[in-house]
Amino acid sequence: MLTFLLWILLCLICWPLALLALVLYPIIWLFLLPFRLLGIAVEGVLELVKAIIMLPARVLGGARRA
C-alpha cells in the first residue's frame, strides 16, 4: 500500500518518471527473479549443511535426556 501511495505522489509530482517506473518495474522484477531463486536454493543448502552438522549433537542430546 505504501508503494502505491508513493507512486501516486510521484505521479502528481512528475508523471513521466512515474510512467517510466511503471513500465520498468516488471522488467526489473524479471531480471532479479533468478537471483531470488538462487538465494532460496543457497539458503536451503546451508540449512541442510547445518542440519547435518548438528545431527550428532541432537542424537547425543536426545539419548542423554532419555
C-alpha atoms as a PDB file:
ATOM      1  CA  MET A   1       0.000   0.000   0.000  1.00  0.00           C
ATOM      2  CA  LEU A   2       2.866   2.340   0.830  1.00  0.00           C
ATOM      3  CA  THR A   3       4.454   1.664  -2.562  1.00  0.00           C
ATOM      4  CA  PHE A   4       1.205   2.582  -4.291  1.00  0.00           C
ATOM      5  CA  LEU A   5       0.891   5.812  -2.317  1.00  0.00           C
ATOM      6  CA  LEU A   6       4.488   6.721  -3.161  1.00  0.00           C
ATOM      7  CA  TRP A   7       3.773   6.022  -6.825  1.00  0.00           C
ATOM      8  CA  ILE A   8       0.678   8.285  -6.694  1.00  0.00           C
ATOM      9  CA  LEU A   9       2.807  11.012  -5.103  1.00  0.00           C
ATOM     10  CA  LEU A  10       5.433  10.580  -7.815  1.00  0.00           C
ATOM     11  CA  CYS A  11       2.678  10.689 -10.424  1.00  0.00           C
ATOM     12  CA  LEU A  12       1.479  14.025  -9.072  1.00  0.00           C
ATOM     13  CA  ILE A  13       4.989  15.476  -8.903  1.00  0.00           C
ATOM     14  CA  CYS A  14       6.498  14.102 -12.108  1.00  0.00           C
ATOM     15  CA  TRP A  15       4.185  11.940 -14.221  1.00  0.00           C
ATOM     16  CA  PRO A  16       6.734  10.956 -16.913  1.00  0.00           C
ATOM     17  CA  LEU A  17       9.016   9.486 -14.252  1.00  0.00           C
ATOM     18  CA  ALA A  18       6.050   7.664 -12.702  1.00  0.00           C
ATOM     19  CA  LEU A  19       5.134   6.142 -16.067  1.00  0.00           C
ATOM     20  CA  LEU A  20       8.746   5.103 -16.627  1.00  0.00           C
ATOM     21  CA  ALA A  21       8.794   3.436 -13.205  1.00  0.00           C
ATOM     22  CA  LEU A  22       5.519   1.688 -14.016  1.00  0.00           C
ATOM     23  CA  VAL A  23       6.957   0.290 -17.253  1.00  0.00           C
ATOM     24  CA  LEU A  24      10.388  -0.651 -15.871  1.00  0.00           C
ATOM     25  CA  TYR A  25       9.165  -2.353 -12.666  1.00  0.00           C
ATOM     26  CA  PRO A  26       8.123  -5.656 -14.314  1.00  0.00           C
ATOM     27  CA  ILE A  27      11.338  -5.769 -16.356  1.00  0.00           C
ATOM     28  CA  ILE A  28      13.498  -5.251 -13.260  1.00  0.00           C
ATOM     29  CA  TRP A  29      11.410  -7.837 -11.365  1.00  0.00           C
ATOM     30  CA  LEU A  30      12.002 -10.403 -14.122  1.00  0.00           C
ATOM     31  CA  PHE A  31      15.720  -9.590 -14.155  1.00  0.00           C
ATOM     32  CA  LEU A  32      16.030 -10.106 -10.379  1.00  0.00           C
ATOM     33  CA  LEU A  33      13.944 -13.312 -10.275  1.00  0.00           C
ATOM     34  CA  PRO A  34      16.884 -15.696 -10.949  1.00  0.00           C
ATOM     35  CA  PHE A  35      18.839 -14.109  -8.099  1.00  0.00           C
ATOM     36  CA  ARG A  36      15.904 -14.682  -5.739  1.00  0.00           C
ATOM     37  CA  LEU A  37      15.681 -18.315  -6.819  1.00  0.00           C
ATOM     38  CA  LEU A  38      19.423 -18.697  -6.329  1.00  0.00           C
ATOM     39  CA  GLY A  39      19.094 -17.197  -2.850  1.00  0.00           C
ATOM     40  CA  ILE A  40      16.350 -19.662  -1.954  1.00  0.00           C
ATOM     41  CA  ALA A  41      18.485 -22.571  -3.199  1.00  0.00           C
ATOM     42  CA  VAL A  42      21.588 -21.402  -1.311  1.00  0.00           C
ATOM     43  CA  GLU A  43      19.556 -20.932   1.857  1.00  0.00           C
ATOM     44  CA  GLY A  44      18.195 -24.468   1.513  1.00  0.00           C
ATOM     45  CA  VAL A  45      21.676 -25.929   1.045  1.00  0.00           C
ATOM     46  CA  LEU A  46      23.012 -24.041   4.060  1.00  0.00           C
ATOM     47  CA  GLU A  47      20.117 -25.269   6.209  1.00  0.00           C
ATOM     48  CA  LEU A  48      20.848 -28.832   5.067  1.00  0.00           C
ATOM     49  CA  VAL A  49      24.534 -28.493   5.968  1.00  0.00           C
ATOM     50  CA  LYS A  50      23.579 -27.045   9.349  1.00  0.00           C
ATOM     51  CA  ALA A  51      21.189 -29.933   9.987  1.00  0.00           C
ATOM     52  CA  ILE A  52      23.858 -32.479   9.046  1.00  0.00           C
ATOM     53  CA  ILE A  53      26.445 -30.832  11.299  1.00  0.00           C
ATOM     54  CA  MET A  54      24.029 -30.545  14.229  1.00  0.00           C
ATOM     55  CA  LEU A  55      22.690 -34.117  13.886  1.00  0.00           C
ATOM     56  CA  PRO A  56      25.253 -35.793  16.214  1.00  0.00           C
ATOM     57  CA  ALA A  57      24.604 -33.221  18.920  1.00  0.00           C
ATOM     58  CA  ARG A  58      20.846 -33.740  18.609  1.00  0.00           C
ATOM     59  CA  VAL A  59      21.200 -37.503  18.745  1.00  0.00           C
ATOM     60  CA  LEU A  60      23.521 -37.416  21.774  1.00  0.00           C
ATOM     61  CA  GLY A  61      21.420 -34.783  23.494  1.00  0.00           C
ATOM     62  CA  GLY A  62      18.289 -36.870  22.990  1.00  0.00           C
ATOM     63  CA  ALA A  63      19.981 -40.031  24.309  1.00  0.00           C
ATOM     64  CA  ARG A  64      21.205 -38.235  27.412  1.00  0.00           C
ATOM     65  CA  ARG A  65      17.709 -36.995  28.315  1.00  0.00           C
ATOM     66  CA  ALA A  66      16.036 -40.399  27.970  1.00  0.00           C
END
